[in-house]
Amino acid sequence: MKAAEIREMSDEQLQLTLDETCDRLFRLRMQAQTERLDAPSELRHHRKLVARIKTVQRARELEKQAKEAAAG
């Protein structure tokens, strides 16, 4: 998933995607410890996806705070 696709999502979609990705990352980590992974690159992919989503969420939060500060 590209950063542009993530930015187009609503806040609710972002949170849902983040929850799903974190859950998948947890399962992959457990699988990596207990058995051999088919695609170890999936761990890296999901870590980066979590970071992208959190970055977009934080940017929106800061934007909202800036608007409130300007208005009030």
N, C-alpha and C. Protein backbone atom coordinates (compact mmCIF):
# COMPACT_ATOMS: atom_id res chain seq x y z
N MET A 1 0.84 -1.17 0.00
CA MET A 1 0.00 0.00 0.00
C MET A 1 0.89 1.25 0.00
N LYS A 2 0.62 2.13 -0.89
CA LYS A 2 1.41 3.35 -1.05
C LYS A 2 0.95 4.41 -0.06
N ALA A 3 1.82 5.38 0.19
CA ALA A 3 1.51 6.47 1.11
C ALA A 3 0.33 7.29 0.59
N ALA A 4 0.25 7.47 -0.70
CA ALA A 4 -0.86 8.24 -1.28
C ALA A 4 -2.20 7.54 -1.01
N GLU A 5 -2.22 6.23 -1.09
CA GLU A 5 -3.44 5.48 -0.80
C GLU A 5 -3.83 5.63 0.66
N ILE A 6 -2.84 5.65 1.53
CA ILE A 6 -3.10 5.78 2.96
C ILE A 6 -3.67 7.17 3.27
N ARG A 7 -3.12 8.20 2.63
CA ARG A 7 -3.60 9.57 2.86
C ARG A 7 -5.04 9.76 2.41
N GLU A 8 -5.49 8.98 1.44
CA GLU A 8 -6.85 9.10 0.93
C GLU A 8 -7.88 8.46 1.86
N MET A 9 -7.44 7.62 2.78
CA MET A 9 -8.35 6.92 3.68
C MET A 9 -8.92 7.86 4.74
N SER A 10 -10.10 7.51 5.23
CA SER A 10 -10.69 8.28 6.33
C SER A 10 -10.01 7.86 7.63
N ASP A 11 -10.27 8.60 8.69
CA ASP A 11 -9.67 8.28 9.99
C ASP A 11 -10.08 6.89 10.48
N GLU A 12 -11.35 6.54 10.26
CA GLU A 12 -11.84 5.24 10.69
C GLU A 12 -11.17 4.11 9.91
N GLN A 13 -11.01 4.31 8.60
CA GLN A 13 -10.35 3.31 7.77
C GLN A 13 -8.89 3.14 8.19
N LEU A 14 -8.25 4.26 8.50
CA LEU A 14 -6.86 4.20 8.94
C LEU A 14 -6.72 3.38 10.22
N GLN A 15 -7.60 3.64 11.17
CA GLN A 15 -7.53 2.92 12.44
C GLN A 15 -7.79 1.44 12.24
N LEU A 16 -8.74 1.11 11.41
CA LEU A 16 -9.05 -0.29 11.13
C LEU A 16 -7.86 -0.98 10.45
N THR A 17 -7.28 -0.32 9.47
CA THR A 17 -6.11 -0.87 8.77
C THR A 17 -4.94 -1.04 9.73
N LEU A 18 -4.74 -0.06 10.61
CA LEU A 18 -3.67 -0.15 11.60
C LEU A 18 -3.87 -1.33 12.52
N ASP A 19 -5.09 -1.52 13.01
CA ASP A 19 -5.38 -2.65 13.89
C ASP A 19 -5.11 -3.98 13.20
N GLU A 20 -5.57 -4.10 11.96
CA GLU A 20 -5.37 -5.34 11.21
C GLU A 20 -3.89 -5.60 10.95
N THR A 21 -3.17 -4.55 10.61
CA THR A 21 -1.75 -4.69 10.30
C THR A 21 -0.95 -5.06 11.55
N CYS A 22 -1.29 -4.43 12.67
CA CYS A 22 -0.60 -4.77 13.93
C CYS A 22 -0.87 -6.21 14.33
N ASP A 23 -2.11 -6.65 14.14
CA ASP A 23 -2.45 -8.03 14.45
C ASP A 23 -1.67 -9.00 13.56
N ARG A 24 -1.60 -8.69 12.29
CA ARG A 24 -0.87 -9.54 11.35
C ARG A 24 0.62 -9.56 11.68
N LEU A 25 1.16 -8.40 12.06
CA LEU A 25 2.57 -8.31 12.43
C LEU A 25 2.85 -9.16 13.67
N PHE A 26 1.96 -9.11 14.64
CA PHE A 26 2.11 -9.92 15.84
C PHE A 26 2.15 -11.41 15.49
N ARG A 27 1.19 -11.83 14.64
CA ARG A 27 1.16 -13.25 14.25
C ARG A 27 2.41 -13.66 13.49
N LEU A 28 2.92 -12.76 12.64
CA LEU A 28 4.14 -13.06 11.90
C LEU A 28 5.35 -13.19 12.84
N ARG A 29 5.41 -12.32 13.85
CA ARG A 29 6.51 -12.39 14.81
C ARG A 29 6.47 -13.71 15.60
N MET A 30 5.26 -14.10 15.98
CA MET A 30 5.11 -15.37 16.71
C MET A 30 5.51 -16.54 15.82
N GLN A 31 5.10 -16.48 14.58
CA GLN A 31 5.44 -17.54 13.64
C GLN A 31 6.95 -17.58 13.41
N ALA A 32 7.59 -16.42 13.36
CA ALA A 32 9.03 -16.36 13.14
C ALA A 32 9.78 -17.00 14.30
N GLN A 33 9.23 -16.88 15.51
CA GLN A 33 9.89 -17.46 16.67
C GLN A 33 9.66 -18.96 16.79
N THR A 34 8.51 -19.42 16.34
CA THR A 34 8.17 -20.83 16.52
C THR A 34 8.47 -21.70 15.32
N GLU A 35 8.48 -21.13 14.15
CA GLU A 35 8.75 -21.90 12.94
C GLU A 35 9.35 -21.00 11.88
N ARG A 36 9.64 -21.57 10.77
CA ARG A 36 10.28 -20.82 9.70
C ARG A 36 9.22 -20.08 8.87
N LEU A 37 9.49 -18.81 8.59
CA LEU A 37 8.58 -18.01 7.77
C LEU A 37 8.78 -18.32 6.29
N ASP A 38 7.68 -18.30 5.54
CA ASP A 38 7.77 -18.49 4.10
C ASP A 38 8.37 -17.25 3.43
N ALA A 39 7.97 -16.07 3.92
CA ALA A 39 8.45 -14.81 3.35
C ALA A 39 8.85 -13.87 4.48
N PRO A 40 10.10 -13.91 4.90
CA PRO A 40 10.55 -13.04 5.99
C PRO A 40 10.41 -11.55 5.68
N SER A 41 10.34 -11.21 4.41
CA SER A 41 10.19 -9.81 4.03
C SER A 41 8.84 -9.25 4.45
N GLU A 42 7.87 -10.12 4.75
CA GLU A 42 6.56 -9.65 5.19
C GLU A 42 6.66 -8.89 6.50
N LEU A 43 7.56 -9.29 7.38
CA LEU A 43 7.76 -8.59 8.65
C LEU A 43 8.13 -7.13 8.39
N ARG A 44 9.09 -6.93 7.53
CA ARG A 44 9.54 -5.58 7.20
C ARG A 44 8.42 -4.78 6.54
N HIS A 45 7.71 -5.41 5.64
CA HIS A 45 6.61 -4.75 4.94
C HIS A 45 5.55 -4.25 5.93
N HIS A 46 5.15 -5.09 6.87
CA HIS A 46 4.12 -4.72 7.83
C HIS A 46 4.62 -3.67 8.82
N ARG A 47 5.87 -3.74 9.21
CA ARG A 47 6.43 -2.70 10.10
C ARG A 47 6.39 -1.34 9.42
N LYS A 48 6.77 -1.31 8.16
CA LYS A 48 6.76 -0.05 7.41
C LYS A 48 5.34 0.47 7.20
N LEU A 49 4.41 -0.43 6.98
CA LEU A 49 3.01 -0.03 6.80
C LEU A 49 2.47 0.59 8.08
N VAL A 50 2.78 -0.01 9.22
CA VAL A 50 2.37 0.56 10.51
C VAL A 50 2.95 1.96 10.67
N ALA A 51 4.21 2.12 10.34
CA ALA A 51 4.86 3.43 10.46
C ALA A 51 4.20 4.46 9.54
N ARG A 52 3.87 4.07 8.33
CA ARG A 52 3.22 5.00 7.39
C ARG A 52 1.86 5.45 7.92
N ILE A 53 1.09 4.51 8.43
CA ILE A 53 -0.24 4.83 8.94
C ILE A 53 -0.14 5.76 10.14
N LYS A 54 0.77 5.45 11.06
CA LYS A 54 0.93 6.29 12.25
C LYS A 54 1.42 7.69 11.87
N THR A 55 2.25 7.78 10.85
CA THR A 55 2.73 9.09 10.39
C THR A 55 1.58 9.93 9.86
N VAL A 56 0.71 9.33 9.08
CA VAL A 56 -0.44 10.06 8.52
C VAL A 56 -1.39 10.47 9.65
N GLN A 57 -1.61 9.57 10.61
CA GLN A 57 -2.48 9.91 11.74
C GLN A 57 -1.92 11.08 12.53
N ARG A 58 -0.63 11.08 12.78
CA ARG A 58 0.00 12.16 13.55
C ARG A 58 -0.06 13.48 12.77
N ALA A 59 0.15 13.43 11.48
CA ALA A 59 0.08 14.64 10.66
C ALA A 59 -1.32 15.24 10.71
N ARG A 60 -2.34 14.40 10.65
CA ARG A 60 -3.71 14.89 10.74
C ARG A 60 -3.99 15.49 12.11
N GLU A 61 -3.46 14.85 13.15
CA GLU A 61 -3.63 15.36 14.50
C GLU A 61 -3.00 16.73 14.66
N LEU A 62 -1.80 16.90 14.14
CA LEU A 62 -1.11 18.18 14.22
C LEU A 62 -1.83 19.25 13.41
N GLU A 63 -2.35 18.86 12.27
CA GLU A 63 -3.11 19.80 11.43
C GLU A 63 -4.36 20.29 12.17
N LYS A 64 -5.04 19.36 12.83
CA LYS A 64 -6.24 19.70 13.59
C LYS A 64 -5.89 20.65 14.74
N GLN A 65 -4.79 20.39 15.43
CA GLN A 65 -4.35 21.26 16.53
C GLN A 65 -4.00 22.65 16.03
N ALA A 66 -3.36 22.72 14.87
CA ALA A 66 -2.99 24.01 14.30
C ALA A 66 -4.23 24.83 13.95
N LYS A 67 -5.25 24.18 13.41
CA LYS A 67 -6.50 24.86 13.07
C LYS A 67 -7.19 25.38 14.32
N GLU A 68 -7.20 24.56 15.38
CA GLU A 68 -7.82 24.97 16.63
C GLU A 68 -7.07 26.15 17.25
N ALA A 69 -5.75 26.14 17.18
CA ALA A 69 -4.94 27.22 17.74
C ALA A 69 -5.16 28.52 16.96
N ALA A 70 -5.31 28.40 15.66
CA ALA A 70 -5.53 29.59 14.83
C ALA A 70 -6.92 30.16 15.06
N ALA A 71 -7.87 29.29 15.29
CA ALA A 71 -9.25 29.74 15.48
C ALA A 71 -9.47 30.29 16.90
N GLY A 72 -8.73 29.77 17.86
CA GLY A 72 -9.00 30.15 19.25
C GLY A 72 -7.92 30.93 19.82
